[in-house]
Structures are given as structure tokens and as C-alpha cells.
Amino acid sequence: MGLSFSLLLARQGIRPLVVERHPGTSIHPRVSSLTARTLEIFRSAGIEDEIRREEPPFPREFGVMFVESLAGQTFDNLMEDMSAYFTDLSPVEGNGIAQDLLEPVLREQAEQAGVRLRYNTEMIDFEADGDGVSAVIRDRISGETRTVRAKYLVGADGSKSGIRAKLGIGQHGEGTLCHLVSMVFDADIHELFASQNAHMCFFANDTTSGSLVLYPGTHRRPHMYRLDVVYDPEEESIADYPEERCIELIRAAIGIPDIPVTLHKVLTWEMAARVADSFQQGRMFLVGDSARVQPPSGGLGGNTGIAEAHNLAWKLAAVLRGEAGPDLLGTYDAERRPVADYTAEQVVMLSQQREHEGSEGITVNTLHVNMGYRYPEGAIVPESGGANLPNVQSPELWTGQPGTRAAHVVLERDGQTFSTLDLFGSRFVLLVGPDGQNWLEAAQLAQEALHLPMDIYRIGGDEGGIGNPGNDFLDAYGIASAGAVIVRPDGYIGWRSKAAGTDLEEMERVLTGALSTILFR
């Protein structure tokens, strides 16, 4: 989360300081799936190709088995909901890159963008005042401490966040669901999964029970897997899982007593669902697991955190550049905390249904959870009737309503096709219909009045407009031919006028008022 946030902030022209107590990037293959929406975010940051080179696309079919053991009796086999990873609503596909392969990509890109990264460095104290935040950081090798000063502090320090604790921010939600021991290992069991077209299994036998997970698409390590078993931390610790016992459990889960196994790492972790009571306190913010933790079911934890970082980055940048007032920062909590509550609730439901019912009763749609939510309030200009809209639904049902993700529409320019999403990323964007020339002129005046960089595009129409081969732009954004929408830097609709204005000065006032509402509310 820290690397993602720092890169997104750097793409907005801000050079943050990142301190990380570990000596380098992650050595653990966690967060092994990025949804299409997350790849859209990384695409807007200009690093989709770098990720694709590091790891091939995610498998389109992801089976989950319920078995006695991997090689034993199969009780059920269901296909995982992959709609969040593969959908015609996006120009990109999901990816199975794991955290230990993704982080070096993020690190390299962040450094190239001017981010100041300090590994082997920990923050040991911080204090905020009316003008900024002072933090005491310590070099873990030399022991040297120094105080650094910044306007804002963002805590991406994980589920046991010391920043959240010092701020006294509580948490709510289901709480602890279970404690697990994870064993990362190599074994030649690919065909056992492939024969059932599966990448994960839940097993139960006389020796043990738990889950086996294939790290998908890991071309560098084709035989790496993870075994998770539940344990009671009041009765056991990681010391009770020496290599000999771990290999015995792994073989029992596989169902082949003498299969060669190479154990790499043993970890303990808590499966929990908790959301911070606030994502902001003054000049300090929480992102990722420090703001919200949820079970791994559906693979949405890291993806939700990256969406949080994306939301906060453009707002902080706008304030630091002097384009917006500090009230804009309050919309981060207003927009993202309800999404976190909903996501955690849905993922807990999915986790419990898997555990208790197998393939029956699984109704959680990960595409809706990951891409189909709406911000009913925040850095948007609401429309009349918005209170009657759902907060989450299939993203294809949204048609340009403020607070929703701007739709993917195929465009064409100079004989090359691209997506509307390729127009978004660092600045506000005004999109107008083929007869929206007056909006273009009004936008030029509004930019001068607000001193706000904004990109302006006319979609369709005669010479000068961007082509729309499918003639679907107007329907996708819910506007008439002379209508207009403003898309925020994070690709969410901030304002919409379904039809034309007639008076140029009045249209300028409308645009100025809309942008002022978004930036200064």
C-alpha cells in the first residue's frame, strides 16, 4: 500500500518520503491477485506493461474443490467468481502477480518518479500541529535517529497499525474469525489441481483440515503452494510447528504420504474483519490494512487498499498544489469508509458460506463489490434523485451518475483505438458530446478562473472530435449530444449535465461552481 500510494502521489507531481522498517521489498508471495479495476489504476499510473512483463495474466477459470485430500475423494468443485478479473466493462484483465514480485516493480517505478524510499528505517514517534507533522525516524542499521517534517502523514503500516493505535482510532466489525498457520512450500502437485481445473481446495481428513492454495501463474516458481491450518494461539505458537510437523501436515493435505516437499516459510496470521472508525484524524490518514482488514476470500483485500490509495492520492496532491482547500481531504473518509464496511461485510459472508455450505448459497458478486459501488457523498456534485439510487450494483447499470466509476468506452483517434479510461489519471477531465462545443468554450474560461489544469475532449461529431466507433458514449455516460461530464483524476464521475446550456457565461458559472464544490466542499 505504501509503495502504491507513493507512486500514485508521485504521478500527481508530489514527492513523498516513505519509511519502511524491513530491509527491502516483501519476500512473501501474498496478495496474489489484482482485479481488472486495480490494473486500471496501475494502467493510469503507466505501469501496466511492467506488471505484465513480470507476471502473465491470471487464469480465466479458478476452481475451488472441497476434498478429503488433494489426491483423495472430491466432494464438490465450484468455479470461483472471476467477474472482477475478466469483464467486458474494462479494457484490461486481472493479473495473478504476487506481492513479492509486484513490489520490486512498484519500487523501481516509484524511485524513477522521484519518491524518496528509506528501507531499514522505522518511525518511532510522530506529532501533529496546525502546520504539519513531525516524525522521528530511526535507521535500524546505524541506530541514528532524526526528525523529519511534512505537511501530512499517511499510515500504511498494516493491520496492527501503530499509527492507528497512537491516534486512538477504534475499530468495528466482525473481529477475529480465526488464527492460522501458513506454510509456503514447493511440491510437484500441479497435475492434481489441473485435473480438476482448480487452483484452491478446502480439505478435511483424519489428520488435519484447512486449505491448499496454488500461487497462480507463478512462472518463476511453478510448484509453489500455501497450506493454511487453523490453530489456537492460547494453546500453540509457531514454535509448535517445526519443519517435520509441517511436512507431515502438507503431505496429509495432499494425500500422498511420501511426496517430496520443500518447506520455505512458516507464518502465523489472523483472519479478521475490522474497519477503522475513522480513516482520518486531522493531517493523518490510514490506508490499506491499517484502515481495514478482511478475510482473503475473493482476493479483494489488497485491491481495496489500492483503491483507497488511489482515492486519497489525487486529493492530497490537489491540496498540496494549492488547487483545493483542506476540506477536500475530509471526503476521503466519507467516500472510502462506507465502501470498506460493505466490502468487509460481503467478504465475511463469502468466507462463511464457503466454510459452512460449500458451493451452496454463495451470492457475493466480486465485480459488484470491486467496481460497482457509488459514492453517494463526498467530492461530487449530487444530482436530484440520487438518494434513491443503490450504493452498489452491477457496474454496467451505472450510466454516468456522479460518484460512480467512469465507464469504459472504445474511442478512436488517428486510426488507433483506446479507452475512455486512458484519458484519466492525473487531472480533471471534461468530456462533452458531439454537440457540446459551448461546454468546451465555457471550460476554457472556467480553467482560467480557477487556475485548475483540466483536459477537455469532445467525443464524436465532426472534425475535431474523438471518434466513438460503437456510438455508445452518450448512453454510457447518460448525456444528450450537447451534454457534459467532469471526471475526477481517480476516474470517478464528479459532475454531470445531461443536456446543453445556452448562455456561455452561465455555463462557465455552472462549471466553476461544480469544480468549486468538488474541490472545496
Protein backbone atom coordinates (compact mmCIF):
# COMPACT_ATOMS: atom_id res chain seq x y z
CA MET A 1 0.00 0.00 0.00
CA GLY A 2 2.82 2.41 0.83
CA LEU A 3 4.57 1.85 -2.49
CA SER A 4 1.32 2.06 -4.46
CA PHE A 5 0.27 5.24 -2.69
CA SER A 6 3.68 6.88 -3.10
CA LEU A 7 3.76 6.07 -6.82
CA LEU A 8 0.24 7.42 -7.38
CA LEU A 9 1.17 10.57 -5.46
CA ALA A 10 4.36 10.97 -7.50
CA ARG A 11 2.34 10.72 -10.70
CA GLN A 12 0.49 13.78 -9.37
CA GLY A 13 3.78 15.66 -9.03
CA ILE A 14 4.30 15.14 -5.28
CA ARG A 15 7.49 13.50 -3.92
CA PRO A 16 6.70 11.78 -0.62
CA LEU A 17 9.13 10.25 1.85
CA VAL A 18 8.46 6.55 2.50
CA VAL A 19 9.96 4.81 5.53
CA GLU A 20 9.90 1.00 5.74
CA ARG A 21 11.34 -0.94 8.64
CA HIS A 22 12.14 -4.01 6.55
CA PRO A 23 15.41 -4.14 4.59
CA GLY A 24 13.68 -4.32 1.22
CA THR A 25 10.53 -5.27 -0.61
CA SER A 26 8.33 -8.14 0.54
CA ILE A 27 9.79 -11.66 0.45
CA HIS A 28 6.37 -13.29 0.89
CA PRO A 29 4.05 -14.16 -2.04
CA ARG A 30 0.93 -12.58 -0.59
CA VAL A 31 -1.81 -10.59 -2.39
CA SER A 32 -1.61 -12.90 -5.39
CA SER A 33 -4.39 -11.41 -7.50
CA LEU A 34 -5.06 -7.96 -8.93
CA THR A 35 -8.55 -7.25 -10.25
CA ALA A 36 -9.31 -5.53 -13.52
CA ARG A 37 -10.10 -2.34 -11.61
CA THR A 38 -6.71 -2.43 -9.88
CA LEU A 39 -4.99 -2.94 -13.24
CA GLU A 40 -6.94 0.09 -14.50
CA ILE A 41 -5.40 2.09 -11.65
CA PHE A 42 -1.91 0.84 -12.43
CA ARG A 43 -2.55 1.46 -16.12
CA SER A 44 -3.36 5.10 -15.30
CA ALA A 45 -0.05 5.24 -13.41
CA GLY A 46 1.75 3.98 -16.52
CA ILE A 47 2.98 0.63 -15.17
CA GLU A 48 0.57 -1.96 -16.59
CA ASP A 49 3.16 -3.16 -19.12
CA GLU A 50 5.82 -3.55 -16.41
CA ILE A 51 3.45 -5.72 -14.37
CA ARG A 52 2.51 -7.82 -17.41
CA ARG A 53 6.18 -8.46 -18.17
CA GLU A 54 6.75 -9.66 -14.62
CA GLU A 55 3.78 -11.98 -14.45
CA PRO A 56 1.42 -13.41 -17.08
CA PRO A 57 -2.37 -12.87 -16.88
CA PHE A 58 -4.49 -14.55 -14.23
CA PRO A 59 -6.25 -17.81 -15.24
CA ARG A 60 -9.75 -17.18 -16.56
CA GLU A 61 -11.14 -20.17 -14.66
CA PHE A 62 -10.42 -20.63 -10.99
CA GLY A 63 -11.84 -23.81 -9.50
CA VAL A 64 -12.27 -24.39 -5.76
CA MET A 65 -12.51 -28.02 -4.62
CA PHE A 66 -13.90 -29.49 -1.42
CA VAL A 67 -11.98 -32.72 -0.83
CA GLU A 68 -10.79 -35.31 1.64
CA SER A 69 -7.28 -34.56 0.37
CA LEU A 70 -5.99 -33.20 -2.90
CA ALA A 71 -5.31 -36.71 -4.23
CA GLY A 72 -8.28 -38.23 -2.40
CA GLN A 73 -12.04 -38.10 -2.68
CA THR A 74 -13.62 -34.95 -4.15
CA PHE A 75 -16.89 -33.88 -2.56
CA ASP A 76 -17.58 -30.77 -4.63
CA ASN A 77 -15.95 -28.50 -7.17
CA LEU A 78 -17.15 -24.97 -7.86
CA MET A 79 -15.90 -22.26 -10.16
CA GLU A 80 -14.82 -19.10 -8.40
CA ASP A 81 -16.49 -15.85 -9.40
CA MET A 82 -13.86 -14.30 -11.71
CA SER A 83 -16.00 -11.39 -12.91
CA ALA A 84 -13.86 -8.86 -11.04
CA TYR A 85 -10.85 -10.05 -13.04
CA PHE A 86 -12.35 -10.58 -16.50
CA THR A 87 -15.12 -8.30 -17.70
CA ASP A 88 -16.05 -6.58 -20.95
CA LEU A 89 -16.60 -3.47 -18.84
CA SER A 90 -12.83 -2.93 -18.62
CA PRO A 91 -10.07 -2.55 -21.21
CA VAL A 92 -7.73 -4.68 -19.07
CA GLU A 93 -7.68 -8.12 -17.50
CA GLY A 94 -6.80 -9.08 -13.95
CA ASN A 95 -3.41 -10.46 -13.04
CA GLY A 96 -2.03 -13.14 -10.72
CA ILE A 97 1.16 -11.36 -9.67
CA ALA A 98 2.08 -11.95 -6.04
CA GLN A 99 3.28 -9.27 -3.65
CA ASP A 100 6.94 -10.29 -3.67
CA LEU A 101 7.03 -9.89 -7.47
CA LEU A 102 4.86 -6.77 -7.61
CA GLU A 103 6.69 -4.71 -5.01
CA PRO A 104 10.02 -4.54 -6.90
CA VAL A 105 8.09 -3.17 -9.90
CA LEU A 106 6.41 -0.57 -7.71
CA ARG A 107 9.72 0.29 -6.04
CA GLU A 108 11.56 0.84 -9.31
CA GLN A 109 8.77 2.96 -10.76
CA ALA A 110 8.40 4.98 -7.55
CA GLU A 111 12.13 5.72 -7.41
CA GLN A 112 12.13 6.78 -11.06
CA ALA A 113 9.20 9.10 -10.29
CA GLY A 114 11.17 10.82 -7.52
CA VAL A 115 9.78 9.08 -4.42
CA ARG A 116 12.28 9.06 -1.55
CA LEU A 117 12.37 5.50 -0.20
CA ARG A 118 14.10 4.69 3.09
CA TYR A 119 14.31 0.98 3.87
CA ASN A 120 15.68 -0.33 7.19
CA THR A 121 14.05 2.76 8.68
CA GLU A 122 11.23 2.90 11.19
CA MET A 123 9.09 5.71 12.50
CA ILE A 124 9.26 5.63 16.28
CA ASP A 125 7.15 8.68 17.08
CA PHE A 126 5.14 11.46 15.47
CA GLU A 127 3.27 14.57 16.47
CA ALA A 128 0.95 16.81 14.50
CA ASP A 129 0.35 20.53 14.88
CA GLY A 130 -1.54 23.15 12.94
CA ASP A 131 1.04 23.38 10.17
CA GLY A 132 2.17 19.79 9.65
CA VAL A 133 3.51 16.59 11.17
CA SER A 134 6.90 15.96 12.80
CA ALA A 135 8.08 12.36 12.78
CA VAL A 136 11.06 10.78 14.50
CA ILE A 137 12.61 8.09 12.31
CA ARG A 138 15.42 5.70 13.15
CA ASP A 139 17.92 3.94 10.92
CA ARG A 140 17.74 0.30 12.05
CA ILE A 141 21.33 -0.39 10.99
CA SER A 142 23.17 2.60 12.48
CA GLY A 143 20.65 3.37 15.21
CA GLU A 144 20.74 7.05 14.23
CA THR A 145 17.53 8.99 14.78
CA ARG A 146 16.38 12.22 13.20
CA THR A 147 13.22 14.28 12.93
CA VAL A 148 11.57 14.90 9.59
CA ARG A 149 8.83 17.35 8.80
CA ALA A 150 5.92 17.04 6.35
CA LYS A 151 2.52 18.53 5.72
CA TYR A 152 0.72 15.19 6.08
CA LEU A 153 1.27 11.64 7.30
CA VAL A 154 -0.25 8.52 5.73
CA GLY A 155 -0.21 5.31 7.74
CA ALA A 156 0.15 2.20 5.61
CA ASP A 157 1.55 0.18 8.50
CA GLY A 158 -0.68 -2.86 8.41
CA SER A 159 -3.39 -4.49 10.47
CA LYS A 160 -1.59 -3.86 13.78
CA SER A 161 -1.04 -0.23 12.88
CA GLY A 162 0.91 1.67 15.49
CA ILE A 163 -0.23 4.91 13.88
CA ARG A 164 -3.89 3.99 14.29
CA ALA A 165 -3.25 2.94 17.88
CA LYS A 166 -1.47 6.18 18.82
CA LEU A 167 -4.26 8.23 17.25
CA GLY A 168 -6.73 6.32 19.42
CA ILE A 169 -8.87 5.34 16.45
CA GLY A 170 -11.03 2.35 17.29
CA GLN A 171 -12.26 -0.43 15.03
CA HIS A 172 -15.58 -2.10 14.37
CA GLY A 173 -16.75 -5.21 12.55
CA GLU A 174 -16.85 -8.96 13.00
CA GLY A 175 -13.42 -9.04 14.64
CA THR A 176 -11.30 -12.17 14.77
CA LEU A 177 -12.64 -15.07 12.73
CA CYS A 178 -9.75 -17.50 13.30
CA HIS A 179 -5.97 -17.78 13.62
CA LEU A 180 -3.98 -19.71 11.04
CA VAL A 181 -0.56 -21.15 10.40
CA SER A 182 0.58 -20.75 6.80
CA MET A 183 3.23 -23.00 5.27
CA VAL A 184 4.72 -21.92 1.94
CA PHE A 185 6.22 -24.89 0.13
CA ASP A 186 7.21 -26.47 -3.16
CA ALA A 187 5.80 -29.80 -4.33
CA ASP A 188 5.03 -31.31 -7.70
CA ILE A 189 1.23 -31.35 -7.40
CA HIS A 190 0.29 -29.19 -10.37
CA GLU A 191 -1.45 -32.04 -12.20
CA LEU A 192 -3.62 -32.79 -9.17
CA PHE A 193 -5.01 -29.26 -9.38
CA ALA A 194 -5.06 -29.17 -13.19
CA SER A 195 -7.04 -32.42 -13.46
CA GLN A 196 -9.90 -30.70 -11.61
CA ASN A 197 -9.30 -27.31 -13.27
CA ALA A 198 -8.75 -25.89 -9.80
CA HIS A 199 -6.33 -23.58 -8.05
CA MET A 200 -7.51 -24.00 -4.46
CA CYS A 201 -9.00 -26.71 -2.28
CA PHE A 202 -10.57 -26.98 1.15
CA PHE A 203 -9.80 -30.37 2.72
CA ALA A 204 -10.72 -32.34 5.81
CA ASN A 205 -9.39 -35.75 6.86
CA ASP A 206 -8.41 -37.68 9.99
CA THR A 207 -5.04 -35.90 10.22
CA THR A 208 -5.87 -32.26 9.55
CA SER A 209 -8.14 -29.77 7.79
CA GLY A 210 -7.63 -26.46 6.11
CA SER A 211 -6.93 -25.11 2.64
CA LEU A 212 -4.33 -25.55 -0.08
CA VAL A 213 -3.69 -22.63 -2.43
CA LEU A 214 -1.73 -22.50 -5.67
CA TYR A 215 0.06 -19.24 -6.30
CA PRO A 216 -1.49 -18.62 -9.72
CA GLY A 217 0.56 -18.10 -12.84
CA THR A 218 3.87 -18.06 -10.99
CA HIS A 219 6.08 -18.84 -13.94
CA ARG A 220 9.21 -18.30 -11.87
CA ARG A 221 8.13 -20.89 -9.34
CA PRO A 222 5.68 -23.33 -10.95
CA HIS A 223 5.36 -25.58 -7.89
CA MET A 224 4.81 -23.08 -5.05
CA TYR A 225 1.79 -23.51 -2.81
CA ARG A 226 0.47 -22.49 0.59
CA LEU A 227 -1.16 -24.64 3.25
CA ASP A 228 -3.32 -22.91 5.86
CA VAL A 229 -4.47 -24.68 9.01
CA VAL A 230 -6.35 -23.22 11.96
CA TYR A 231 -4.60 -23.08 15.34
CA ASP A 232 -5.40 -21.69 18.79
CA PRO A 233 -2.78 -19.10 19.85
CA GLU A 234 -3.67 -19.72 23.51
CA GLU A 235 -2.66 -23.36 23.11
CA GLU A 236 0.09 -23.23 20.48
CA SER A 237 2.67 -20.95 18.89
CA ILE A 238 4.75 -21.05 15.73
CA ALA A 239 7.37 -22.97 17.73
CA ASP A 240 4.93 -25.88 17.79
CA TYR A 241 5.19 -26.17 14.00
CA PRO A 242 8.74 -27.38 13.28
CA GLU A 243 9.64 -28.47 9.77
CA GLU A 244 8.95 -32.15 10.40
CA ARG A 245 5.39 -31.48 11.60
CA CYS A 246 4.72 -29.04 8.77
CA ILE A 247 5.78 -31.51 6.11
CA GLU A 248 3.59 -34.17 7.72
CA LEU A 249 0.59 -31.81 7.57
CA ILE A 250 1.35 -30.85 3.96
CA ARG A 251 1.53 -34.49 2.90
CA ALA A 252 -1.73 -35.23 4.68
CA ALA A 253 -3.39 -32.35 2.86
CA ILE A 254 -2.03 -33.59 -0.48
CA GLY A 255 -2.90 -37.19 0.30
CA ILE A 256 0.44 -38.71 -0.82
CA PRO A 257 2.46 -39.84 2.23
CA ASP A 258 5.91 -39.82 0.64
CA ILE A 259 5.69 -36.93 -1.84
CA PRO A 260 8.85 -34.74 -1.83
CA VAL A 261 8.18 -31.38 -0.16
CA THR A 262 10.44 -28.35 0.26
CA LEU A 263 9.30 -26.05 3.05
CA HIS A 264 10.14 -22.37 2.54
CA LYS A 265 8.43 -20.39 5.26
CA VAL A 266 6.04 -20.80 8.17
CA LEU A 267 3.93 -17.83 9.23
CA THR A 268 1.03 -17.17 11.58
CA TRP A 269 -1.76 -14.74 10.82
CA GLU A 270 -5.18 -13.69 11.97
CA MET A 271 -8.21 -13.84 9.73
CA ALA A 272 -10.34 -10.92 10.79
CA ALA A 273 -12.79 -8.30 9.61
CA ARG A 274 -12.25 -4.88 11.15
CA VAL A 275 -12.74 -1.36 9.83
CA ALA A 276 -11.26 1.72 11.48
CA ASP A 277 -13.83 4.07 12.98
CA SER A 278 -12.23 6.88 11.01
CA PHE A 279 -9.76 6.95 8.12
CA GLN A 280 -8.57 10.45 9.01
CA GLN A 281 -7.58 12.45 12.04
CA GLY A 282 -6.50 15.94 11.13
CA ARG A 283 -3.38 15.73 8.97
CA MET A 284 -3.07 11.97 9.32
CA PHE A 285 -4.69 9.25 7.23
CA LEU A 286 -4.96 5.45 7.15
CA VAL A 287 -4.81 3.29 4.02
CA GLY A 288 -4.73 -0.45 3.42
CA ASP A 289 -4.82 -2.86 6.34
CA SER A 290 -4.32 -0.06 8.84
CA ALA A 291 -7.72 1.24 7.74
CA ARG A 292 -9.46 -2.08 7.08
CA VAL A 293 -8.78 -5.81 7.22
CA GLN A 294 -10.93 -8.57 5.78
CA PRO A 295 -10.69 -12.30 5.01
CA PRO A 296 -8.83 -13.26 1.82
CA SER A 297 -11.93 -14.78 0.20
CA GLY A 298 -12.47 -13.22 -3.20
CA GLY A 299 -8.95 -11.77 -3.20
CA LEU A 300 -10.20 -8.23 -2.55
CA GLY A 301 -8.08 -7.10 0.41
CA GLY A 302 -5.07 -5.67 -1.40
CA ASN A 303 -7.27 -4.48 -4.26
CA THR A 304 -9.47 -2.50 -1.87
CA GLY A 305 -6.38 -0.94 -0.29
CA ILE A 306 -5.00 0.20 -3.64
CA ALA A 307 -8.38 1.81 -4.41
CA GLU A 308 -8.12 3.67 -1.09
CA ALA A 309 -4.64 4.90 -2.01
CA HIS A 310 -5.91 6.00 -5.43
CA ASN A 311 -8.74 7.97 -3.85
CA LEU A 312 -6.51 9.77 -1.36
CA ALA A 313 -3.55 10.48 -3.66
CA TRP A 314 -5.25 12.93 -6.03
CA LYS A 315 -6.89 14.77 -3.15
CA LEU A 316 -3.67 15.25 -1.21
CA ALA A 317 -1.91 16.34 -4.39
CA ALA A 318 -4.63 18.90 -5.20
CA VAL A 319 -4.33 20.40 -1.72
CA LEU A 320 -0.52 20.43 -1.75
CA ARG A 321 -0.51 22.10 -5.18
CA GLY A 322 -2.85 24.80 -3.87
CA GLU A 323 -5.72 23.85 -6.18
CA ALA A 324 -8.06 22.77 -3.38
CA GLY A 325 -8.76 23.62 0.21
CA PRO A 326 -8.15 21.16 3.07
CA ASP A 327 -11.85 20.33 3.31
CA LEU A 328 -11.40 18.15 0.23
CA LEU A 329 -9.38 15.72 2.37
CA GLY A 330 -12.40 15.02 4.56
CA THR A 331 -14.08 13.39 1.58
CA TYR A 332 -11.57 10.51 1.72
CA ASP A 333 -13.20 9.11 4.86
CA ALA A 334 -16.70 9.99 3.65
CA GLU A 335 -16.18 8.08 0.40
CA ARG A 336 -13.96 5.15 1.32
CA ARG A 337 -15.10 4.07 4.80
CA PRO A 338 -18.62 3.03 3.69
CA VAL A 339 -17.02 1.05 0.86
CA ALA A 340 -14.72 -0.64 3.38
CA ASP A 341 -17.68 -1.55 5.61
CA TYR A 342 -19.58 -3.03 2.69
CA THR A 343 -16.57 -4.91 1.32
CA ALA A 344 -15.69 -6.43 4.69
CA GLU A 345 -19.31 -7.47 5.22
CA GLN A 346 -19.52 -9.15 1.81
CA VAL A 347 -16.19 -10.93 2.12
CA VAL A 348 -17.11 -12.28 5.57
CA MET A 349 -20.34 -13.58 4.08
CA LEU A 350 -18.42 -15.26 1.26
CA SER A 351 -15.94 -16.78 3.70
CA GLN A 352 -18.66 -18.15 5.97
CA GLN A 353 -20.69 -19.56 3.10
CA ARG A 354 -17.64 -21.36 1.78
CA GLU A 355 -16.87 -22.83 5.18
CA HIS A 356 -20.36 -23.96 6.08
CA GLU A 357 -22.17 -24.58 2.83
CA GLY A 358 -19.61 -25.44 0.18
CA SER A 359 -20.95 -24.42 -3.20
CA GLU A 360 -24.46 -23.63 -1.95
CA GLY A 361 -25.68 -20.13 -1.22
CA ILE A 362 -22.68 -18.14 -2.50
CA THR A 363 -24.32 -14.94 -3.73
CA VAL A 364 -21.50 -12.42 -3.36
CA ASN A 365 -20.52 -10.92 -6.72
CA THR A 366 -16.93 -9.69 -6.57
CA LEU A 367 -17.35 -7.46 -9.64
CA HIS A 368 -20.12 -5.52 -7.92
CA VAL A 369 -18.04 -5.21 -4.75
CA ASN A 370 -14.87 -4.14 -6.55
CA MET A 371 -16.18 -1.92 -9.37
CA GLY A 372 -19.89 -1.31 -8.89
CA TYR A 373 -20.01 0.92 -5.82
CA ARG A 374 -21.14 4.54 -5.77
CA TYR A 375 -20.00 7.42 -3.59
CA PRO A 376 -23.33 8.97 -2.51
CA GLU A 377 -21.49 11.91 -0.95
CA GLY A 378 -18.00 13.35 -0.97
CA ALA A 379 -16.07 15.12 -3.75
CA ILE A 380 -19.02 15.10 -6.14
CA VAL A 381 -21.92 17.28 -7.18
CA PRO A 382 -25.00 15.14 -6.46
CA GLU A 383 -27.93 15.03 -8.83
CA SER A 384 -31.56 15.25 -7.83
CA GLY A 385 -32.92 11.79 -7.17
CA GLY A 386 -29.51 10.45 -6.18
CA ALA A 387 -30.74 9.50 -2.73
CA ASN A 388 -32.96 6.86 -4.33
CA LEU A 389 -30.08 5.11 -6.09
CA PRO A 390 -28.43 1.96 -4.70
CA ASN A 391 -24.91 2.28 -3.34
CA VAL A 392 -23.76 -0.92 -5.07
CA GLN A 393 -24.95 -2.68 -8.20
CA SER A 394 -23.58 -4.22 -11.37
CA PRO A 395 -21.25 -1.58 -12.85
CA GLU A 396 -22.85 -1.94 -16.28
CA LEU A 397 -26.04 -0.43 -14.81
CA TRP A 398 -24.33 2.84 -13.94
CA THR A 399 -24.63 5.46 -16.68
CA GLY A 400 -22.55 8.43 -15.62
CA GLN A 401 -24.14 9.17 -12.25
CA PRO A 402 -21.87 11.35 -10.06
CA GLY A 403 -19.90 9.19 -7.63
CA THR A 404 -19.64 6.19 -9.96
CA ARG A 405 -16.70 4.84 -11.94
CA ALA A 406 -16.47 6.43 -15.38
CA ALA A 407 -17.38 3.78 -17.94
CA HIS A 408 -15.00 2.14 -20.37
CA VAL A 409 -15.93 3.11 -23.93
CA VAL A 410 -13.85 2.36 -27.01
CA LEU A 411 -12.62 5.54 -28.72
CA GLU A 412 -10.64 6.14 -31.89
CA ARG A 413 -8.10 8.76 -32.88
CA ASP A 414 -5.68 8.79 -35.82
CA GLY A 415 -6.70 5.25 -36.69
CA GLN A 416 -5.86 3.94 -33.20
CA THR A 417 -8.43 2.65 -30.72
CA PHE A 418 -8.16 3.27 -26.99
CA SER A 419 -10.38 3.51 -23.91
CA THR A 420 -12.03 6.48 -22.27
CA LEU A 421 -10.14 5.32 -19.18
CA ASP A 422 -6.88 6.19 -20.93
CA LEU A 423 -7.90 9.85 -20.74
CA PHE A 424 -7.97 9.84 -16.94
CA GLY A 425 -5.26 9.72 -14.31
CA SER A 426 -3.64 12.98 -13.27
CA ARG A 427 -6.04 15.85 -13.97
CA PHE A 428 -9.72 16.63 -14.11
CA VAL A 429 -11.23 15.74 -17.48
CA LEU A 430 -14.26 17.32 -19.15
CA LEU A 431 -15.97 15.04 -21.66
CA VAL A 432 -18.66 16.56 -23.88
CA GLY A 433 -20.93 15.10 -26.51
CA PRO A 434 -20.63 15.79 -30.24
CA ASP A 435 -22.73 18.97 -29.94
CA GLY A 436 -21.08 20.20 -26.76
CA GLN A 437 -18.96 22.97 -28.27
CA ASN A 438 -20.35 25.57 -25.86
CA TRP A 439 -19.17 23.47 -22.93
CA LEU A 440 -15.66 23.45 -24.40
CA GLU A 441 -15.59 27.23 -24.59
CA ALA A 442 -17.03 27.56 -21.10
CA ALA A 443 -14.44 25.14 -19.76
CA GLN A 444 -11.61 27.29 -21.07
CA LEU A 445 -12.99 30.25 -19.12
CA ALA A 446 -13.55 28.10 -16.02
CA GLN A 447 -9.95 26.90 -16.09
CA GLU A 448 -8.71 30.47 -16.17
CA ALA A 449 -10.98 31.46 -13.29
CA LEU A 450 -9.95 28.52 -11.08
CA HIS A 451 -6.31 28.18 -12.22
CA LEU A 452 -7.04 24.46 -12.41
CA PRO A 453 -5.42 22.23 -15.04
CA MET A 454 -8.14 20.31 -16.86
CA ASP A 455 -8.16 18.20 -20.01
CA ILE A 456 -11.08 18.76 -22.38
CA TYR A 457 -12.36 16.34 -25.03
CA ARG A 458 -15.29 16.25 -27.40
CA ILE A 459 -16.42 12.71 -28.15
CA GLY A 460 -17.96 12.14 -31.56
CA GLY A 461 -19.20 14.67 -34.07
CA ASP A 462 -17.48 16.31 -36.99
CA GLU A 463 -13.80 17.06 -37.43
CA GLY A 464 -12.02 17.79 -34.18
CA GLY A 465 -13.85 15.28 -32.02
CA ILE A 466 -12.53 11.92 -30.84
CA GLY A 467 -14.19 9.05 -32.66
CA ASN A 468 -16.56 6.64 -30.95
CA PRO A 469 -16.86 3.60 -33.26
CA GLY A 470 -19.61 1.98 -31.21
CA ASN A 471 -21.68 5.16 -30.87
CA ASP A 472 -22.17 4.21 -27.22
CA PHE A 473 -20.53 7.11 -25.38
CA LEU A 474 -23.70 9.12 -24.80
CA ASP A 475 -25.62 6.13 -23.42
CA ALA A 476 -22.70 5.01 -21.24
CA TYR A 477 -22.46 8.45 -19.63
CA GLY A 478 -26.17 9.24 -19.61
CA ILE A 479 -25.98 12.53 -21.50
CA ALA A 480 -27.54 14.05 -24.59
CA SER A 481 -25.46 15.08 -27.58
CA ALA A 482 -24.83 18.52 -26.04
CA GLY A 483 -24.28 17.24 -22.50
CA ALA A 484 -21.06 17.02 -20.47
CA VAL A 485 -19.43 15.23 -17.54
CA ILE A 486 -16.45 16.01 -15.34
CA VAL A 487 -14.29 13.01 -14.43
CA ARG A 488 -12.01 13.24 -11.40
CA PRO A 489 -8.33 12.22 -11.55
CA ASP A 490 -9.24 8.85 -10.00
CA GLY A 491 -11.64 8.05 -12.85
CA TYR A 492 -14.87 8.73 -10.93
CA ILE A 493 -17.65 11.00 -12.16
CA GLY A 494 -17.69 14.26 -10.22
CA TRP A 495 -20.41 16.18 -12.05
CA ARG A 496 -22.78 15.80 -14.98
CA SER A 497 -25.03 17.97 -17.10
CA LYS A 498 -27.28 15.73 -19.16
CA ALA A 499 -28.16 18.42 -21.66
CA ALA A 500 -26.85 21.69 -23.05
CA GLY A 501 -26.68 25.12 -21.60
CA THR A 502 -27.40 28.07 -23.85
CA ASP A 503 -25.63 31.05 -22.36
CA LEU A 504 -21.82 30.79 -22.39
CA GLU A 505 -21.33 32.85 -19.23
CA GLU A 506 -23.96 30.84 -17.40
CA MET A 507 -22.27 27.61 -18.48
CA GLU A 508 -18.95 28.95 -17.18
CA ARG A 509 -20.57 29.70 -13.83
CA VAL A 510 -22.03 26.18 -13.75
CA LEU A 511 -18.64 24.60 -14.42
CA THR A 512 -16.85 26.85 -11.96
CA GLY A 513 -19.45 26.12 -9.32
CA ALA A 514 -19.26 22.38 -9.97
CA LEU A 515 -15.48 22.27 -9.70
CA SER A 516 -15.53 24.51 -6.64
CA THR A 517 -18.00 22.14 -5.00
CA ILE A 518 -15.79 19.14 -5.75
CA LEU A 519 -12.58 20.80 -4.62
CA PHE A 520 -13.69 22.96 -1.71
CA ARG A 521 -16.68 21.19 -0.17
